[in-house]
């Protein structure tokens, strides 16, 4: 199963994923992003974390910064940490990518690994922003994915049904 949960920032995409995952005991592989609060006079840093590694906050996993609702991305981190993490996921695994947005747009190796997962023998839970970019549009229109809004994905019955298929 490949499920894409779509919504704006704060719409409940990550909450829906957590609700789905509470009904499965499978190991989780993949990546999640975290935006920290901005320090006085500085932009808010955004970090990329692996589900299989300790949480860190350094230059090797800082994927960008946000200021005044505008993002500046550091694609090299997606091309190194991001692509390598996705490349190491064993076939048949449950993969969670929370969330794909606009920062990944210039990371071609990362995108290639992402689409390898979508094309391959993996169960994928993916949250994406509701913006229109070539990458996000390609994910939402991928022939193997089912897209659902964050609102619909937060229904408890829906969460149980999805988890049963994972």
N, C-alpha and C. Protein backbone atom coordinates (compact mmCIF):
# COMPACT_ATOMS: atom_id res chain seq x y z
N UNK A 1 0.84 -1.17 0.00
CA UNK A 1 0.00 0.00 0.00
C UNK A 1 0.88 1.23 0.00
N UNK A 2 0.47 2.21 -0.77
CA UNK A 2 1.16 3.49 -0.81
C UNK A 2 0.11 4.57 -0.59
N UNK A 3 0.17 5.20 0.58
CA UNK A 3 -0.82 6.21 0.96
C UNK A 3 -0.15 7.56 1.09
N UNK A 4 -0.71 8.55 0.42
CA UNK A 4 -0.22 9.92 0.49
C UNK A 4 -1.28 10.76 1.19
N UNK A 5 -0.89 11.34 2.32
CA UNK A 5 -1.78 12.22 3.09
C UNK A 5 -1.41 13.65 2.73
N UNK A 6 -2.40 14.39 2.24
CA UNK A 6 -2.17 15.73 1.69
C UNK A 6 -2.82 16.78 2.58
N UNK A 7 -2.10 17.88 2.81
CA UNK A 7 -2.67 18.98 3.56
C UNK A 7 -1.69 20.12 3.73
N UNK A 8 -2.20 21.22 4.23
CA UNK A 8 -1.37 22.39 4.50
C UNK A 8 -0.65 22.20 5.83
N UNK A 9 0.22 23.10 6.14
CA UNK A 9 0.92 23.05 7.42
C UNK A 9 -0.09 23.14 8.55
N UNK A 10 0.02 22.23 9.52
CA UNK A 10 -0.88 22.24 10.66
C UNK A 10 -2.23 21.58 10.43
N UNK A 11 -2.40 20.88 9.31
CA UNK A 11 -3.69 20.29 8.96
C UNK A 11 -3.94 18.93 9.61
N UNK A 12 -2.92 18.33 10.22
CA UNK A 12 -3.10 17.03 10.86
C UNK A 12 -2.48 15.87 10.12
N UNK A 13 -1.59 16.13 9.17
CA UNK A 13 -0.96 15.04 8.41
C UNK A 13 -0.15 14.13 9.34
N UNK A 14 0.70 14.70 10.14
CA UNK A 14 1.54 13.91 11.05
C UNK A 14 0.69 13.23 12.12
N UNK A 15 -0.34 13.89 12.57
CA UNK A 15 -1.26 13.29 13.54
C UNK A 15 -1.92 12.05 12.95
N UNK A 16 -2.34 12.13 11.70
CA UNK A 16 -2.96 10.98 11.04
C UNK A 16 -1.98 9.81 10.95
N UNK A 17 -0.73 10.09 10.63
CA UNK A 17 0.27 9.03 10.55
C UNK A 17 0.44 8.37 11.91
N UNK A 18 0.56 9.16 12.97
CA UNK A 18 0.70 8.57 14.31
C UNK A 18 -0.51 7.71 14.67
N UNK A 19 -1.70 8.15 14.28
CA UNK A 19 -2.91 7.37 14.57
C UNK A 19 -2.91 6.05 13.81
N UNK A 20 -2.46 6.07 12.57
CA UNK A 20 -2.37 4.84 11.77
C UNK A 20 -1.33 3.89 12.38
N UNK A 21 -0.18 4.43 12.74
CA UNK A 21 0.91 3.59 13.24
C UNK A 21 0.62 2.95 14.59
N UNK A 22 -0.29 3.51 15.36
CA UNK A 22 -0.58 2.89 16.66
C UNK A 22 -1.27 1.53 16.49
N UNK A 23 -1.76 1.24 15.28
CA UNK A 23 -2.42 -0.04 15.00
C UNK A 23 -1.50 -1.04 14.32
N UNK A 24 -0.23 -0.73 14.17
CA UNK A 24 0.70 -1.68 13.55
C UNK A 24 1.94 -1.81 14.42
N UNK A 25 2.53 -2.99 14.37
CA UNK A 25 3.75 -3.23 15.14
C UNK A 25 4.96 -3.37 14.22
N UNK A 26 4.79 -3.05 12.95
CA UNK A 26 5.90 -3.16 12.00
C UNK A 26 6.97 -2.13 12.31
N UNK A 27 8.19 -2.49 11.98
CA UNK A 27 9.30 -1.53 12.10
C UNK A 27 9.11 -0.43 11.07
N UNK A 28 9.48 0.77 11.46
CA UNK A 28 9.35 1.93 10.57
C UNK A 28 10.73 2.32 10.05
N UNK A 29 10.79 2.54 8.77
CA UNK A 29 11.98 3.06 8.10
C UNK A 29 11.59 4.40 7.50
N UNK A 30 12.56 5.24 7.22
CA UNK A 30 12.27 6.47 6.52
C UNK A 30 12.77 7.70 7.24
N UNK A 31 12.15 8.83 6.92
CA UNK A 31 12.61 10.14 7.36
C UNK A 31 11.46 11.00 7.82
N UNK A 32 11.78 11.94 8.71
CA UNK A 32 10.81 12.95 9.12
C UNK A 32 11.55 14.27 9.28
N UNK A 33 10.83 15.34 9.03
CA UNK A 33 11.43 16.67 9.16
C UNK A 33 10.85 17.37 10.37
N UNK A 34 11.67 18.24 10.94
CA UNK A 34 11.28 18.97 12.14
C UNK A 34 11.72 20.42 12.02
N UNK A 35 10.77 21.32 12.14
CA UNK A 35 11.08 22.75 12.16
C UNK A 35 11.10 23.21 13.61
N UNK A 36 12.22 23.76 14.02
CA UNK A 36 12.35 24.26 15.38
C UNK A 36 11.93 25.73 15.44
N UNK A 37 11.58 26.22 16.60
CA UNK A 37 11.24 27.64 16.73
C UNK A 37 12.46 28.51 16.40
N UNK A 38 12.19 29.66 15.86
CA UNK A 38 13.27 30.58 15.52
C UNK A 38 13.80 31.26 16.78
N UNK A 39 15.12 31.40 16.83
CA UNK A 39 15.74 32.18 17.90
C UNK A 39 15.58 33.66 17.55
N UNK A 40 15.68 34.49 18.54
CA UNK A 40 15.52 35.93 18.35
C UNK A 40 16.38 36.44 17.20
N UNK A 41 15.72 36.99 16.17
CA UNK A 41 16.42 37.58 15.04
C UNK A 41 16.99 36.59 14.03
N UNK A 42 16.72 35.31 14.20
CA UNK A 42 17.25 34.30 13.30
C UNK A 42 16.10 33.52 12.65
N UNK A 43 16.35 32.93 11.46
CA UNK A 43 15.32 32.08 10.85
C UNK A 43 15.17 30.77 11.61
N UNK A 44 14.03 30.11 11.44
CA UNK A 44 13.76 28.83 12.09
C UNK A 44 14.48 27.71 11.33
N UNK A 45 15.32 26.94 12.01
CA UNK A 45 16.01 25.83 11.33
C UNK A 45 15.09 24.63 11.13
N UNK A 46 15.32 23.89 10.04
CA UNK A 46 14.56 22.69 9.73
C UNK A 46 15.55 21.54 9.59
N UNK A 47 15.26 20.44 10.29
CA UNK A 47 16.17 19.30 10.32
C UNK A 47 15.51 18.04 9.75
N UNK A 48 16.33 17.17 9.20
CA UNK A 48 15.89 15.88 8.66
C UNK A 48 16.40 14.79 9.60
N UNK A 49 15.47 13.92 10.03
CA UNK A 49 15.81 12.84 10.96
C UNK A 49 15.43 11.50 10.34
N UNK A 50 16.23 10.49 10.66
CA UNK A 50 15.93 9.13 10.27
C UNK A 50 15.20 8.44 11.40
N UNK A 51 14.23 7.59 11.06
CA UNK A 51 13.55 6.79 12.08
C UNK A 51 14.47 5.72 12.67
N UNK A 52 15.61 5.49 12.05
CA UNK A 52 16.51 4.41 12.47
C UNK A 52 17.78 4.94 13.14
N UNK A 53 17.86 6.24 13.45
CA UNK A 53 19.07 6.81 14.02
C UNK A 53 18.70 7.81 15.12
N UNK A 54 19.64 8.07 16.01
CA UNK A 54 19.37 9.06 17.06
C UNK A 54 19.10 10.44 16.46
N UNK A 55 18.29 11.22 17.15
CA UNK A 55 17.98 12.58 16.71
C UNK A 55 19.21 13.45 16.93
N UNK A 56 19.54 14.23 15.89
CA UNK A 56 20.68 15.15 15.96
C UNK A 56 20.25 16.51 15.44
N UNK A 57 21.00 17.51 15.84
CA UNK A 57 20.78 18.87 15.35
C UNK A 57 22.14 19.44 14.99
N UNK A 58 22.53 19.27 13.71
CA UNK A 58 23.80 19.81 13.24
C UNK A 58 23.71 20.10 11.75
N UNK A 59 24.80 20.56 11.19
CA UNK A 59 24.80 20.94 9.78
C UNK A 59 24.56 19.76 8.84
N UNK A 60 24.93 18.54 9.27
CA UNK A 60 24.77 17.37 8.40
C UNK A 60 23.31 17.01 8.17
N UNK A 61 22.40 17.45 9.07
CA UNK A 61 20.99 17.11 8.86
C UNK A 61 20.08 18.34 8.84
N UNK A 62 20.68 19.53 8.76
CA UNK A 62 19.86 20.75 8.62
C UNK A 62 19.53 20.94 7.15
N UNK A 63 18.25 20.79 6.82
CA UNK A 63 17.82 20.83 5.41
C UNK A 63 17.40 22.21 4.95
N UNK A 64 17.32 23.15 5.89
CA UNK A 64 16.96 24.50 5.48
C UNK A 64 16.58 25.37 6.66
N UNK A 65 16.11 26.55 6.30
CA UNK A 65 15.62 27.51 7.29
C UNK A 65 14.35 28.15 6.75
N UNK A 66 13.50 28.58 7.67
CA UNK A 66 12.26 29.28 7.29
C UNK A 66 12.22 30.64 7.99
N UNK A 67 11.84 31.63 7.21
CA UNK A 67 11.71 32.97 7.75
C UNK A 67 10.59 33.68 7.02
N UNK A 68 9.67 34.26 7.77
CA UNK A 68 8.53 34.96 7.18
C UNK A 68 7.77 34.08 6.19
N UNK A 69 7.55 32.82 6.58
CA UNK A 69 6.80 31.83 5.78
C UNK A 69 7.46 31.53 4.44
N UNK A 70 8.75 31.78 4.33
CA UNK A 70 9.52 31.45 3.13
C UNK A 70 10.65 30.51 3.52
N UNK A 71 10.85 29.48 2.71
CA UNK A 71 11.86 28.47 3.00
C UNK A 71 13.09 28.65 2.12
N UNK A 72 14.23 28.46 2.73
CA UNK A 72 15.49 28.35 1.99
C UNK A 72 15.99 26.94 2.25
N UNK A 73 16.16 26.16 1.20
CA UNK A 73 16.56 24.76 1.39
C UNK A 73 18.05 24.57 1.15
N UNK A 74 18.56 23.49 1.73
CA UNK A 74 19.95 23.07 1.55
C UNK A 74 19.91 21.70 0.88
N UNK A 75 19.76 21.65 -0.45
CA UNK A 75 19.56 20.38 -1.16
C UNK A 75 20.67 19.36 -0.94
N UNK A 76 21.88 19.79 -0.63
CA UNK A 76 22.98 18.85 -0.44
C UNK A 76 22.68 17.85 0.67
N UNK A 77 21.95 18.27 1.70
CA UNK A 77 21.62 17.35 2.80
C UNK A 77 20.66 16.27 2.32
N UNK A 78 19.71 16.64 1.47
CA UNK A 78 18.81 15.64 0.89
C UNK A 78 19.59 14.66 0.02
N UNK A 79 20.59 15.18 -0.70
CA UNK A 79 21.36 14.34 -1.61
C UNK A 79 22.31 13.40 -0.87
N UNK A 80 22.72 13.75 0.34
CA UNK A 80 23.62 12.89 1.12
C UNK A 80 22.80 12.08 2.12
N UNK A 81 22.47 12.65 3.24
CA UNK A 81 21.75 11.95 4.31
C UNK A 81 20.41 11.39 3.81
N UNK A 82 19.64 12.21 3.11
CA UNK A 82 18.32 11.79 2.66
C UNK A 82 18.36 10.63 1.69
N UNK A 83 19.11 10.78 0.61
CA UNK A 83 19.18 9.73 -0.41
C UNK A 83 19.79 8.45 0.14
N UNK A 84 20.84 8.58 0.95
CA UNK A 84 21.49 7.39 1.52
C UNK A 84 20.55 6.64 2.47
N UNK A 85 19.80 7.37 3.27
CA UNK A 85 18.85 6.73 4.18
C UNK A 85 17.80 5.96 3.40
N UNK A 86 17.25 6.55 2.36
CA UNK A 86 16.23 5.87 1.55
C UNK A 86 16.82 4.68 0.81
N UNK A 87 18.05 4.81 0.36
CA UNK A 87 18.72 3.73 -0.40
C UNK A 87 18.90 2.48 0.46
N UNK A 88 19.03 2.63 1.77
CA UNK A 88 19.32 1.51 2.67
C UNK A 88 18.06 0.78 3.15
N UNK A 89 16.89 1.22 2.77
CA UNK A 89 15.65 0.60 3.26
C UNK A 89 15.46 -0.76 2.58
N UNK A 90 15.31 -1.83 3.37
CA UNK A 90 15.13 -3.16 2.78
C UNK A 90 13.78 -3.29 2.06
N UNK A 91 13.79 -4.04 0.99
CA UNK A 91 12.56 -4.31 0.24
C UNK A 91 11.52 -4.92 1.17
N UNK A 92 10.26 -4.52 0.98
CA UNK A 92 9.16 -5.03 1.78
C UNK A 92 8.91 -4.26 3.06
N UNK A 93 9.71 -3.26 3.32
CA UNK A 93 9.60 -2.49 4.57
C UNK A 93 8.44 -1.51 4.55
N UNK A 94 8.06 -1.09 5.76
CA UNK A 94 7.11 0.00 5.94
C UNK A 94 7.92 1.29 6.01
N UNK A 95 7.66 2.19 5.06
CA UNK A 95 8.42 3.42 4.93
C UNK A 95 7.52 4.60 5.24
N UNK A 96 8.01 5.48 6.11
CA UNK A 96 7.29 6.71 6.45
C UNK A 96 8.15 7.89 6.06
N UNK A 97 7.59 8.78 5.28
CA UNK A 97 8.25 10.04 4.92
C UNK A 97 7.31 11.17 5.33
N UNK A 98 7.69 11.87 6.38
CA UNK A 98 6.83 12.90 6.97
C UNK A 98 7.66 14.16 7.16
N UNK A 99 7.62 15.14 6.36
CA UNK A 99 6.76 15.41 5.25
C UNK A 99 7.57 15.85 4.07
N UNK A 100 7.04 15.66 2.88
CA UNK A 100 7.67 16.15 1.66
C UNK A 100 6.99 17.47 1.31
N UNK A 101 7.80 18.48 1.06
CA UNK A 101 7.26 19.81 0.76
C UNK A 101 8.00 20.43 -0.41
N UNK A 102 8.43 21.66 -0.24
CA UNK A 102 9.11 22.36 -1.33
C UNK A 102 10.62 22.28 -1.23
N UNK A 103 11.15 21.94 -0.08
CA UNK A 103 12.62 21.94 0.10
C UNK A 103 13.32 20.87 -0.72
N UNK A 104 12.62 19.80 -1.07
CA UNK A 104 13.23 18.69 -1.81
C UNK A 104 13.28 18.92 -3.32
N UNK A 105 12.76 20.03 -3.78
CA UNK A 105 12.59 20.26 -5.22
C UNK A 105 13.87 20.19 -6.04
N UNK A 106 15.01 20.53 -5.47
CA UNK A 106 16.27 20.53 -6.22
C UNK A 106 17.12 19.30 -5.95
N UNK A 107 16.63 18.37 -5.17
CA UNK A 107 17.41 17.19 -4.76
C UNK A 107 17.08 16.00 -5.66
N UNK A 108 17.76 15.88 -6.78
CA UNK A 108 17.41 14.87 -7.78
C UNK A 108 17.70 13.44 -7.33
N UNK A 109 18.79 13.20 -6.61
CA UNK A 109 19.09 11.84 -6.13
C UNK A 109 18.07 11.42 -5.07
N UNK A 110 17.71 12.34 -4.20
CA UNK A 110 16.70 12.06 -3.19
C UNK A 110 15.37 11.72 -3.87
N UNK A 111 15.00 12.49 -4.87
CA UNK A 111 13.76 12.24 -5.60
C UNK A 111 13.80 10.87 -6.29
N UNK A 112 14.94 10.52 -6.85
CA UNK A 112 15.06 9.21 -7.51
C UNK A 112 14.83 8.09 -6.51
N UNK A 113 15.38 8.21 -5.31
CA UNK A 113 15.17 7.20 -4.27
C UNK A 113 13.72 7.16 -3.81
N UNK A 114 13.11 8.32 -3.69
CA UNK A 114 11.70 8.40 -3.30
C UNK A 114 10.82 7.66 -4.32
N UNK A 115 11.04 7.90 -5.60
CA UNK A 115 10.23 7.24 -6.62
C UNK A 115 10.57 5.75 -6.75
N UNK A 116 11.79 5.36 -6.40
CA UNK A 116 12.13 3.93 -6.34
C UNK A 116 11.27 3.24 -5.29
N UNK A 117 11.06 3.90 -4.17
CA UNK A 117 10.20 3.34 -3.13
C UNK A 117 8.75 3.28 -3.59
N UNK A 118 8.29 4.33 -4.24
CA UNK A 118 6.90 4.34 -4.72
C UNK A 118 6.67 3.29 -5.82
N UNK A 119 7.68 3.03 -6.62
CA UNK A 119 7.56 2.04 -7.70
C UNK A 119 7.77 0.62 -7.21
N UNK A 120 8.42 0.46 -6.08
CA UNK A 120 8.88 -0.86 -5.65
C UNK A 120 7.98 -1.56 -4.66
N UNK A 121 8.53 -2.63 -4.11
CA UNK A 121 7.83 -3.49 -3.16
C UNK A 121 8.02 -2.95 -1.73
N UNK A 122 7.35 -1.86 -1.45
CA UNK A 122 7.41 -1.20 -0.15
C UNK A 122 6.01 -0.73 0.21
N UNK A 123 5.68 -0.74 1.50
CA UNK A 123 4.49 -0.05 1.97
C UNK A 123 4.94 1.35 2.36
N UNK A 124 4.28 2.37 1.81
CA UNK A 124 4.74 3.74 2.01
C UNK A 124 3.61 4.60 2.56
N UNK A 125 3.90 5.27 3.66
CA UNK A 125 3.04 6.34 4.19
C UNK A 125 3.80 7.63 3.97
N UNK A 126 3.18 8.54 3.27
CA UNK A 126 3.86 9.76 2.86
C UNK A 126 2.96 10.94 3.13
N UNK A 127 3.48 11.96 3.79
CA UNK A 127 2.71 13.18 3.95
C UNK A 127 3.31 14.24 3.03
N UNK A 128 2.44 14.96 2.35
CA UNK A 128 2.92 16.00 1.43
C UNK A 128 2.12 17.28 1.63
N UNK A 129 2.79 18.38 1.36
CA UNK A 129 2.13 19.68 1.40
C UNK A 129 1.14 19.77 0.25
N UNK A 130 0.17 20.65 0.41
CA UNK A 130 -0.86 20.82 -0.61
C UNK A 130 -0.47 21.84 -1.67
N UNK A 131 0.79 22.17 -1.75
CA UNK A 131 1.28 23.11 -2.77
C UNK A 131 1.46 22.39 -4.10
N UNK A 132 1.63 23.19 -5.16
CA UNK A 132 1.87 22.62 -6.48
C UNK A 132 3.30 22.91 -6.90
N UNK A 133 4.09 21.85 -6.97
CA UNK A 133 5.43 21.88 -7.53
C UNK A 133 5.53 20.65 -8.42
N UNK A 134 6.49 20.61 -9.33
CA UNK A 134 6.62 19.40 -10.16
C UNK A 134 6.77 18.13 -9.32
N UNK A 135 7.55 18.18 -8.25
CA UNK A 135 7.74 17.01 -7.40
C UNK A 135 6.45 16.61 -6.70
N UNK A 136 5.80 17.54 -6.03
CA UNK A 136 4.57 17.22 -5.29
C UNK A 136 3.46 16.75 -6.22
N UNK A 137 3.35 17.37 -7.38
CA UNK A 137 2.34 16.94 -8.35
C UNK A 137 2.63 15.53 -8.86
N UNK A 138 3.92 15.22 -9.07
CA UNK A 138 4.29 13.87 -9.54
C UNK A 138 4.00 12.83 -8.47
N UNK A 139 4.22 13.16 -7.21
CA UNK A 139 3.90 12.22 -6.13
C UNK A 139 2.40 11.96 -6.09
N UNK A 140 1.62 13.04 -6.09
CA UNK A 140 0.16 12.89 -5.97
C UNK A 140 -0.45 12.17 -7.17
N UNK A 141 0.18 12.27 -8.33
CA UNK A 141 -0.38 11.63 -9.53
C UNK A 141 0.27 10.27 -9.83
N UNK A 142 1.15 9.81 -8.97
CA UNK A 142 1.82 8.52 -9.19
C UNK A 142 0.76 7.43 -9.27
N UNK A 143 0.87 6.52 -10.24
CA UNK A 143 -0.19 5.52 -10.45
C UNK A 143 -0.37 4.52 -9.29
N UNK A 144 0.61 4.38 -8.42
CA UNK A 144 0.47 3.40 -7.35
C UNK A 144 0.02 4.00 -6.01
N UNK A 145 -0.16 5.32 -5.97
CA UNK A 145 -0.51 5.92 -4.68
C UNK A 145 -2.00 6.22 -4.59
N UNK A 146 -2.46 6.19 -3.36
CA UNK A 146 -3.81 6.64 -3.04
C UNK A 146 -3.64 7.92 -2.22
N UNK A 147 -4.27 9.00 -2.66
CA UNK A 147 -4.20 10.27 -1.95
C UNK A 147 -5.45 10.48 -1.11
N UNK A 148 -5.26 11.03 0.08
CA UNK A 148 -6.37 11.33 0.97
C UNK A 148 -6.03 12.62 1.70
N UNK A 149 -7.04 13.39 2.02
CA UNK A 149 -6.81 14.63 2.76
C UNK A 149 -6.46 14.31 4.21
N UNK A 150 -5.77 15.22 4.85
CA UNK A 150 -5.42 15.04 6.26
C UNK A 150 -6.68 14.87 7.10
N UNK A 151 -7.70 15.61 6.78
CA UNK A 151 -8.96 15.51 7.53
C UNK A 151 -9.54 14.10 7.44
N UNK A 152 -9.63 13.56 6.24
CA UNK A 152 -10.17 12.21 6.06
C UNK A 152 -9.26 11.17 6.71
N UNK A 153 -7.95 11.39 6.66
CA UNK A 153 -7.00 10.42 7.20
C UNK A 153 -7.04 10.35 8.72
N UNK A 154 -7.62 11.33 9.37
CA UNK A 154 -7.69 11.33 10.83
C UNK A 154 -8.92 10.62 11.38
N UNK A 155 -9.75 10.07 10.51
CA UNK A 155 -10.89 9.28 10.95
C UNK A 155 -10.38 7.96 11.54
N UNK A 156 -10.84 7.61 12.73
CA UNK A 156 -10.32 6.43 13.43
C UNK A 156 -10.56 5.13 12.65
N UNK A 157 -11.71 4.99 12.05
CA UNK A 157 -11.99 3.79 11.25
C UNK A 157 -11.04 3.71 10.06
N UNK A 158 -10.82 4.83 9.42
CA UNK A 158 -9.89 4.89 8.30
C UNK A 158 -8.49 4.44 8.75
N UNK A 159 -8.04 4.96 9.89
CA UNK A 159 -6.72 4.60 10.41
C UNK A 159 -6.60 3.10 10.65
N UNK A 160 -7.62 2.51 11.20
CA UNK A 160 -7.60 1.07 11.46
C UNK A 160 -7.57 0.28 10.15
N UNK A 161 -8.34 0.71 9.17
CA UNK A 161 -8.38 0.02 7.87
C UNK A 161 -7.03 0.09 7.17
N UNK A 162 -6.40 1.26 7.20
CA UNK A 162 -5.09 1.42 6.56
C UNK A 162 -4.07 0.53 7.26
N UNK A 163 -4.04 0.58 8.59
CA UNK A 163 -3.08 -0.21 9.35
C UNK A 163 -3.24 -1.71 9.05
N UNK A 164 -4.46 -2.17 8.87
CA UNK A 164 -4.70 -3.58 8.57
C UNK A 164 -4.09 -3.98 7.21
N UNK A 165 -3.93 -3.02 6.32
CA UNK A 165 -3.37 -3.31 4.99
C UNK A 165 -1.86 -3.19 4.96
N UNK A 166 -1.29 -2.71 6.03
CA UNK A 166 0.17 -2.52 6.04
C UNK A 166 0.86 -3.81 6.43
